[in-house]
Amino acid sequence: MKELLIESNGIKTDQYFIPPFELKEGEVVILYLYGGPHFQDIKTELVNVFTGKIKNENVIVTKSLTYVDYFKESKFRNLFFPVRVGEYLQKSSNLESEFIQKIYEIPWINKKTKINELYWSSKRLLSLYATFSKTKYIVFELAGLGPFDAKENYNIVRNEIRKGGAAILIDWASDMKDDCDKFITLEWLSV
């Protein structure tokens, strides 16, 4: 029997309802929030619940997930002392993990590459690999990625979770609907 990591009896606010679901070991659950200006706020609320930062009376988190956050750098740091890939990995990852080497499989990326010179998709991969170097229990998003890059990132996660771990994808598109263990759709209560 698979270990139960998150049990949600439904998340309800005065604006929306997310139906009940469970996240078990080896599963990928997609929470489909639709696109629009509401996405970031709802995503942030859900990430805070699933990572254990805030409690929700209807959600039992047995194992907190880690959010795959994208790299952010201040304008000052970016201009005068830009962070390089090696420095970022030194601070943000487990250097003993096999995932650290995966980013260097991209031919034009090395330890001295400035992160601000990477394409958005490469930055997202860098964050994903750094997170996977520490845990395989994640909550992530594909925002800002085109269909090809989104599918590539999703497939990386899907393949790793099959080996152990669990993931929740918070998404505004339904592209991966047929390639997940559970697809949960937000229901609007008021318009």
C-alpha atoms as a PDB file:
ATOM      1  CA  MET A   1       0.000   0.000   0.000  1.00  0.00           C
ATOM      2  CA  LYS A   2       1.308   3.441  -0.961  1.00  0.00           C
ATOM      3  CA  GLU A   3       2.079   5.901   1.824  1.00  0.00           C
ATOM      4  CA  LEU A   4      -0.456   8.747   2.103  1.00  0.00           C
ATOM      5  CA  LEU A   5       1.372  12.101   2.066  1.00  0.00           C
ATOM      6  CA  ILE A   6      -1.443  14.650   1.744  1.00  0.00           C
ATOM      7  CA  GLU A   7      -5.143  14.194   2.366  1.00  0.00           C
ATOM      8  CA  SER A   8      -7.423  17.041   1.391  1.00  0.00           C
ATOM      9  CA  ASN A   9     -11.089  16.983   2.312  1.00  0.00           C
ATOM     10  CA  GLY A  10     -11.608  19.923  -0.018  1.00  0.00           C
ATOM     11  CA  ILE A  11     -10.288  23.469   0.154  1.00  0.00           C
ATOM     12  CA  LYS A  12     -13.040  26.055   0.206  1.00  0.00           C
ATOM     13  CA  THR A  13     -12.990  29.839   0.330  1.00  0.00           C
ATOM     14  CA  ASP A  14     -15.770  32.302  -0.392  1.00  0.00           C
ATOM     15  CA  GLN A  15     -14.602  32.354  -4.049  1.00  0.00           C
ATOM     16  CA  TYR A  16     -13.559  28.820  -4.969  1.00  0.00           C
ATOM     17  CA  PHE A  17     -13.582  25.149  -4.028  1.00  0.00           C
ATOM     18  CA  ILE A  18     -10.907  22.556  -4.743  1.00  0.00           C
ATOM     19  CA  PRO A  19     -12.479  19.085  -4.493  1.00  0.00           C
ATOM     20  CA  PRO A  20     -11.077  16.450  -2.121  1.00  0.00           C
ATOM     21  CA  PHE A  21      -8.016  14.474  -3.196  1.00  0.00           C
ATOM     22  CA  GLU A  22      -5.146  12.435  -1.834  1.00  0.00           C
ATOM     23  CA  LEU A  23      -1.475  12.470  -2.767  1.00  0.00           C
ATOM     24  CA  LYS A  24       0.293   9.159  -2.275  1.00  0.00           C
ATOM     25  CA  GLU A  25       3.859   7.998  -2.769  1.00  0.00           C
ATOM     26  CA  GLY A  26       4.681   7.683  -6.477  1.00  0.00           C
ATOM     27  CA  GLU A  27       1.854   9.935  -7.670  1.00  0.00           C
ATOM     28  CA  VAL A  28       1.620  13.170  -9.616  1.00  0.00           C
ATOM     29  CA  VAL A  29      -1.525  15.204  -8.929  1.00  0.00           C
ATOM     30  CA  ILE A  30      -2.435  18.170 -11.103  1.00  0.00           C
ATOM     31  CA  LEU A  31      -4.458  21.015  -9.615  1.00  0.00           C
ATOM     32  CA  TYR A  32      -5.981  22.862 -12.542  1.00  0.00           C
ATOM     33  CA  LEU A  33      -6.742  26.493 -11.618  1.00  0.00           C
ATOM     34  CA  TYR A  34      -7.528  27.904 -15.073  1.00  0.00           C
ATOM     35  CA  GLY A  35      -5.622  30.912 -16.381  1.00  0.00           C
ATOM     36  CA  GLY A  36      -6.257  34.454 -15.264  1.00  0.00           C
ATOM     37  CA  PRO A  37      -5.329  37.096 -12.729  1.00  0.00           C
ATOM     38  CA  HIS A  38      -6.405  34.837  -9.844  1.00  0.00           C
ATOM     39  CA  PHE A  39      -3.755  32.196 -10.602  1.00  0.00           C
ATOM     40  CA  GLN A  40      -0.798  33.612  -8.632  1.00  0.00           C
ATOM     41  CA  ASP A  41      -2.772  34.308  -5.456  1.00  0.00           C
ATOM     42  CA  ILE A  42      -4.437  30.895  -5.354  1.00  0.00           C
ATOM     43  CA  LYS A  43      -1.178  29.153  -6.272  1.00  0.00           C
ATOM     44  CA  THR A  44       0.613  30.932  -3.417  1.00  0.00           C
ATOM     45  CA  GLU A  45      -2.098  29.911  -0.932  1.00  0.00           C
ATOM     46  CA  LEU A  46      -1.911  26.271  -2.035  1.00  0.00           C
ATOM     47  CA  VAL A  47       1.890  26.174  -2.026  1.00  0.00           C
ATOM     48  CA  ASN A  48       1.870  27.501   1.539  1.00  0.00           C
ATOM     49  CA  VAL A  49      -0.499  24.698   2.603  1.00  0.00           C
ATOM     50  CA  PHE A  50       1.350  21.866   0.824  1.00  0.00           C
ATOM     51  CA  THR A  51       4.769  23.010   2.042  1.00  0.00           C
ATOM     52  CA  GLY A  52       3.508  23.199   5.625  1.00  0.00           C
ATOM     53  CA  LYS A  53       3.924  26.969   5.983  1.00  0.00           C
ATOM     54  CA  ILE A  54       0.270  27.426   6.904  1.00  0.00           C
ATOM     55  CA  LYS A  55      -2.358  25.022   8.205  1.00  0.00           C
ATOM     56  CA  ASN A  56      -5.707  24.365   6.579  1.00  0.00           C
ATOM     57  CA  GLU A  57      -8.319  22.617   8.680  1.00  0.00           C
ATOM     58  CA  ASN A  58      -9.354  20.436   5.732  1.00  0.00           C
ATOM     59  CA  VAL A  59      -5.875  19.343   4.669  1.00  0.00           C
ATOM     60  CA  ILE A  60      -3.668  16.834   6.476  1.00  0.00           C
ATOM     61  CA  VAL A  61      -0.043  17.114   5.391  1.00  0.00           C
ATOM     62  CA  THR A  62       1.837  14.033   6.583  1.00  0.00           C
ATOM     63  CA  LYS A  63       4.922  14.916   4.541  1.00  0.00           C
ATOM     64  CA  SER A  64       5.508  18.519   3.529  1.00  0.00           C
ATOM     65  CA  LEU A  65       6.432  19.157  -0.079  1.00  0.00           C
ATOM     66  CA  THR A  66       9.150  21.505  -1.310  1.00  0.00           C
ATOM     67  CA  TYR A  67       8.206  24.230  -3.764  1.00  0.00           C
ATOM     68  CA  VAL A  68      10.354  24.416  -6.889  1.00  0.00           C
ATOM     69  CA  ASP A  69      10.835  28.159  -6.843  1.00  0.00           C
ATOM     70  CA  TYR A  70      12.404  29.892  -9.790  1.00  0.00           C
ATOM     71  CA  PHE A  71      15.630  31.830  -9.427  1.00  0.00           C
ATOM     72  CA  LYS A  72      15.323  35.503  -8.492  1.00  0.00           C
ATOM     73  CA  GLU A  73      18.133  38.031  -8.330  1.00  0.00           C
ATOM     74  CA  SER A  74      18.092  41.689  -7.322  1.00  0.00           C
ATOM     75  CA  LYS A  75      18.811  44.215 -10.055  1.00  0.00           C
ATOM     76  CA  PHE A  76      21.877  45.420  -8.144  1.00  0.00           C
ATOM     77  CA  ARG A  77      23.304  41.902  -7.837  1.00  0.00           C
ATOM     78  CA  ASN A  78      22.403  41.170 -11.450  1.00  0.00           C
ATOM     79  CA  LEU A  79      24.208  44.279 -12.671  1.00  0.00           C
ATOM     80  CA  PHE A  80      27.362  44.157 -10.529  1.00  0.00           C
ATOM     81  CA  PHE A  81      27.778  40.625  -9.160  1.00  0.00           C
ATOM     82  CA  PRO A  82      25.628  38.227 -11.204  1.00  0.00           C
ATOM     83  CA  VAL A  83      25.130  34.757  -9.744  1.00  0.00           C
ATOM     84  CA  ARG A  84      26.706  31.964 -11.724  1.00  0.00           C
ATOM     85  CA  VAL A  85      25.379  28.424 -12.064  1.00  0.00           C
ATOM     86  CA  GLY A  86      28.089  26.899  -9.861  1.00  0.00           C
ATOM     87  CA  GLU A  87      27.499  29.426  -7.068  1.00  0.00           C
ATOM     88  CA  TYR A  88      23.724  28.880  -7.172  1.00  0.00           C
ATOM     89  CA  LEU A  89      24.121  25.101  -6.981  1.00  0.00           C
ATOM     90  CA  GLN A  90      26.646  25.432  -4.146  1.00  0.00           C
ATOM     91  CA  LYS A  91      24.053  27.302  -2.050  1.00  0.00           C
ATOM     92  CA  SER A  92      20.810  25.688  -3.227  1.00  0.00           C
ATOM     93  CA  SER A  93      21.457  22.011  -3.758  1.00  0.00           C
ATOM     94  CA  ASN A  94      22.963  18.783  -2.524  1.00  0.00           C
ATOM     95  CA  LEU A  95      26.210  18.646  -4.482  1.00  0.00           C
ATOM     96  CA  GLU A  96      26.451  14.869  -3.965  1.00  0.00           C
ATOM     97  CA  SER A  97      23.295  14.274  -6.012  1.00  0.00           C
ATOM     98  CA  GLU A  98      23.263  13.020  -9.592  1.00  0.00           C
ATOM     99  CA  PHE A  99      20.867  15.839 -10.491  1.00  0.00           C
ATOM    100  CA  ILE A 100      23.555  18.479 -10.225  1.00  0.00           C
ATOM    101  CA  GLN A 101      25.334  17.077 -13.268  1.00  0.00           C
ATOM    102  CA  LYS A 102      22.142  17.043 -15.368  1.00  0.00           C
ATOM    103  CA  ILE A 103      22.176  20.824 -15.847  1.00  0.00           C
ATOM    104  CA  TYR A 104      25.683  20.543 -17.303  1.00  0.00           C
ATOM    105  CA  GLU A 105      24.370  18.148 -19.956  1.00  0.00           C
ATOM    106  CA  ILE A 106      23.099  21.268 -21.733  1.00  0.00           C
ATOM    107  CA  PRO A 107      26.152  22.009 -23.907  1.00  0.00           C
ATOM    108  CA  TRP A 108      26.411  25.754 -23.303  1.00  0.00           C
ATOM    109  CA  ILE A 109      25.971  25.667 -19.503  1.00  0.00           C
ATOM    110  CA  ASN A 110      28.921  25.371 -17.130  1.00  0.00           C
ATOM    111  CA  LYS A 111      29.721  26.461 -13.575  1.00  0.00           C
ATOM    112  CA  LYS A 112      30.731  29.948 -14.707  1.00  0.00           C
ATOM    113  CA  THR A 113      27.614  30.630 -16.796  1.00  0.00           C
ATOM    114  CA  LYS A 114      25.716  33.651 -15.467  1.00  0.00           C
ATOM    115  CA  ILE A 115      22.178  32.631 -14.544  1.00  0.00           C
ATOM    116  CA  ASN A 116      20.782  35.879 -15.929  1.00  0.00           C
ATOM    117  CA  GLU A 117      22.080  34.786 -19.356  1.00  0.00           C
ATOM    118  CA  LEU A 118      20.089  31.529 -19.312  1.00  0.00           C
ATOM    119  CA  TYR A 119      16.839  31.102 -21.200  1.00  0.00           C
ATOM    120  CA  TRP A 120      13.763  30.946 -18.962  1.00  0.00           C
ATOM    121  CA  SER A 121      13.389  27.208 -19.662  1.00  0.00           C
ATOM    122  CA  SER A 122      17.000  26.565 -18.590  1.00  0.00           C
ATOM    123  CA  LYS A 123      16.471  28.571 -15.392  1.00  0.00           C
ATOM    124  CA  ARG A 124      13.415  26.441 -14.620  1.00  0.00           C
ATOM    125  CA  LEU A 125      15.421  23.254 -15.224  1.00  0.00           C
ATOM    126  CA  LEU A 126      18.199  24.551 -12.982  1.00  0.00           C
ATOM    127  CA  SER A 127      15.689  25.153 -10.167  1.00  0.00           C
ATOM    128  CA  LEU A 128      14.068  21.759 -10.733  1.00  0.00           C
ATOM    129  CA  TYR A 129      17.379  19.879 -10.638  1.00  0.00           C
ATOM    130  CA  ALA A 130      18.536  21.801  -7.550  1.00  0.00           C
ATOM    131  CA  THR A 131      15.289  20.897  -5.757  1.00  0.00           C
ATOM    132  CA  PHE A 132      15.409  17.257  -6.879  1.00  0.00           C
ATOM    133  CA  SER A 133      18.967  17.054  -5.529  1.00  0.00           C
ATOM    134  CA  LYS A 134      17.483  17.509  -2.043  1.00  0.00           C
ATOM    135  CA  THR A 135      14.024  15.913  -2.223  1.00  0.00           C
ATOM    136  CA  LYS A 136      11.623  14.074  -4.511  1.00  0.00           C
ATOM    137  CA  TYR A 137       8.525  15.467  -2.783  1.00  0.00           C
ATOM    138  CA  ILE A 138       7.690  18.633  -4.653  1.00  0.00           C
ATOM    139  CA  VAL A 139       5.037  21.123  -5.653  1.00  0.00           C
ATOM    140  CA  PHE A 140       5.783  22.915  -8.910  1.00  0.00           C
ATOM    141  CA  GLU A 141       4.378  24.975 -11.762  1.00  0.00           C
ATOM    142  CA  LEU A 142       5.126  25.384 -15.449  1.00  0.00           C
ATOM    143  CA  ALA A 143       4.324  29.091 -15.754  1.00  0.00           C
ATOM    144  CA  GLY A 144       6.319  30.949 -18.363  1.00  0.00           C
ATOM    145  CA  LEU A 145       7.209  27.844 -20.353  1.00  0.00           C
ATOM    146  CA  GLY A 146       6.018  27.134 -23.863  1.00  0.00           C
ATOM    147  CA  PRO A 147       4.277  23.831 -24.635  1.00  0.00           C
ATOM    148  CA  PHE A 148       7.490  21.968 -25.568  1.00  0.00           C
ATOM    149  CA  ASP A 149       9.467  23.115 -22.490  1.00  0.00           C
ATOM    150  CA  ALA A 150       6.475  22.560 -20.196  1.00  0.00           C
ATOM    151  CA  LYS A 151       6.128  18.983 -21.433  1.00  0.00           C
ATOM    152  CA  GLU A 152       9.882  18.403 -21.045  1.00  0.00           C
ATOM    153  CA  ASN A 153       9.853  19.639 -17.422  1.00  0.00           C
ATOM    154  CA  TYR A 154       6.715  17.663 -16.659  1.00  0.00           C
ATOM    155  CA  ASN A 155       8.227  14.476 -18.114  1.00  0.00           C
ATOM    156  CA  ILE A 156      11.356  14.911 -15.989  1.00  0.00           C
ATOM    157  CA  VAL A 157       9.186  15.163 -12.886  1.00  0.00           C
ATOM    158  CA  ARG A 158       6.906  12.296 -13.937  1.00  0.00           C
ATOM    159  CA  ASN A 159       9.846   9.969 -14.601  1.00  0.00           C
ATOM    160  CA  GLU A 160      11.524  10.779 -11.285  1.00  0.00           C
ATOM    161  CA  ILE A 161       8.342  10.375  -9.266  1.00  0.00           C
ATOM    162  CA  ARG A 162       7.841   6.903 -10.737  1.00  0.00           C
ATOM    163  CA  LYS A 163      11.124   5.969  -9.002  1.00  0.00           C
ATOM    164  CA  GLY A 164       9.875   7.333  -5.666  1.00  0.00           C
ATOM    165  CA  GLY A 165       8.561  10.608  -4.318  1.00  0.00           C
ATOM    166  CA  ALA A 166       5.410  12.569  -5.118  1.00  0.00           C
ATOM    167  CA  ALA A 167       4.469  15.814  -6.818  1.00  0.00           C
ATOM    168  CA  ILE A 168       1.671  18.323  -7.170  1.00  0.00           C
ATOM    169  CA  LEU A 169       1.604  20.424 -10.318  1.00  0.00           C
ATOM    170  CA  ILE A 170      -0.341  23.656  -9.940  1.00  0.00           C
ATOM    171  CA  ASP A 171      -1.207  24.633 -13.481  1.00  0.00           C
ATOM    172  CA  TRP A 172      -3.335  26.970 -15.578  1.00  0.00           C
ATOM    173  CA  ALA A 173      -3.414  24.642 -18.612  1.00  0.00           C
ATOM    174  CA  SER A 174      -4.891  21.166 -18.926  1.00  0.00           C
ATOM    175  CA  ASP A 175      -2.266  19.804 -21.346  1.00  0.00           C
ATOM    176  CA  MET A 176      -1.066  17.020 -19.023  1.00  0.00           C
ATOM    177  CA  LYS A 177      -4.578  15.937 -17.997  1.00  0.00           C
ATOM    178  CA  ASP A 178      -4.194  12.441 -19.430  1.00  0.00           C
ATOM    179  CA  ASP A 179      -0.692  11.869 -18.049  1.00  0.00           C
ATOM    180  CA  CYS A 180      -1.202  12.157 -14.299  1.00  0.00           C
ATOM    181  CA  ASP A 181      -2.602  10.094 -11.452  1.00  0.00           C
ATOM    182  CA  LYS A 182      -5.276  12.620 -10.476  1.00  0.00           C
ATOM    183  CA  PHE A 183      -6.547  15.755 -12.201  1.00  0.00           C
ATOM    184  CA  ILE A 184      -8.395  18.105  -9.838  1.00  0.00           C
ATOM    185  CA  THR A 185     -10.220  21.132 -11.225  1.00  0.00           C
ATOM    186  CA  LEU A 186     -10.913  24.311  -9.253  1.00  0.00           C
ATOM    187  CA  GLU A 187     -14.625  25.127  -9.019  1.00  0.00           C
ATOM    188  CA  TRP A 188     -15.687  28.767  -8.850  1.00  0.00           C
ATOM    189  CA  LEU A 189     -18.309  29.559  -6.203  1.00  0.00           C
ATOM    190  CA  SER A 190     -18.897  33.180  -7.168  1.00  0.00           C
ATOM    191  CA  VAL A 191     -18.162  35.185 -10.249  1.00  0.00           C
END
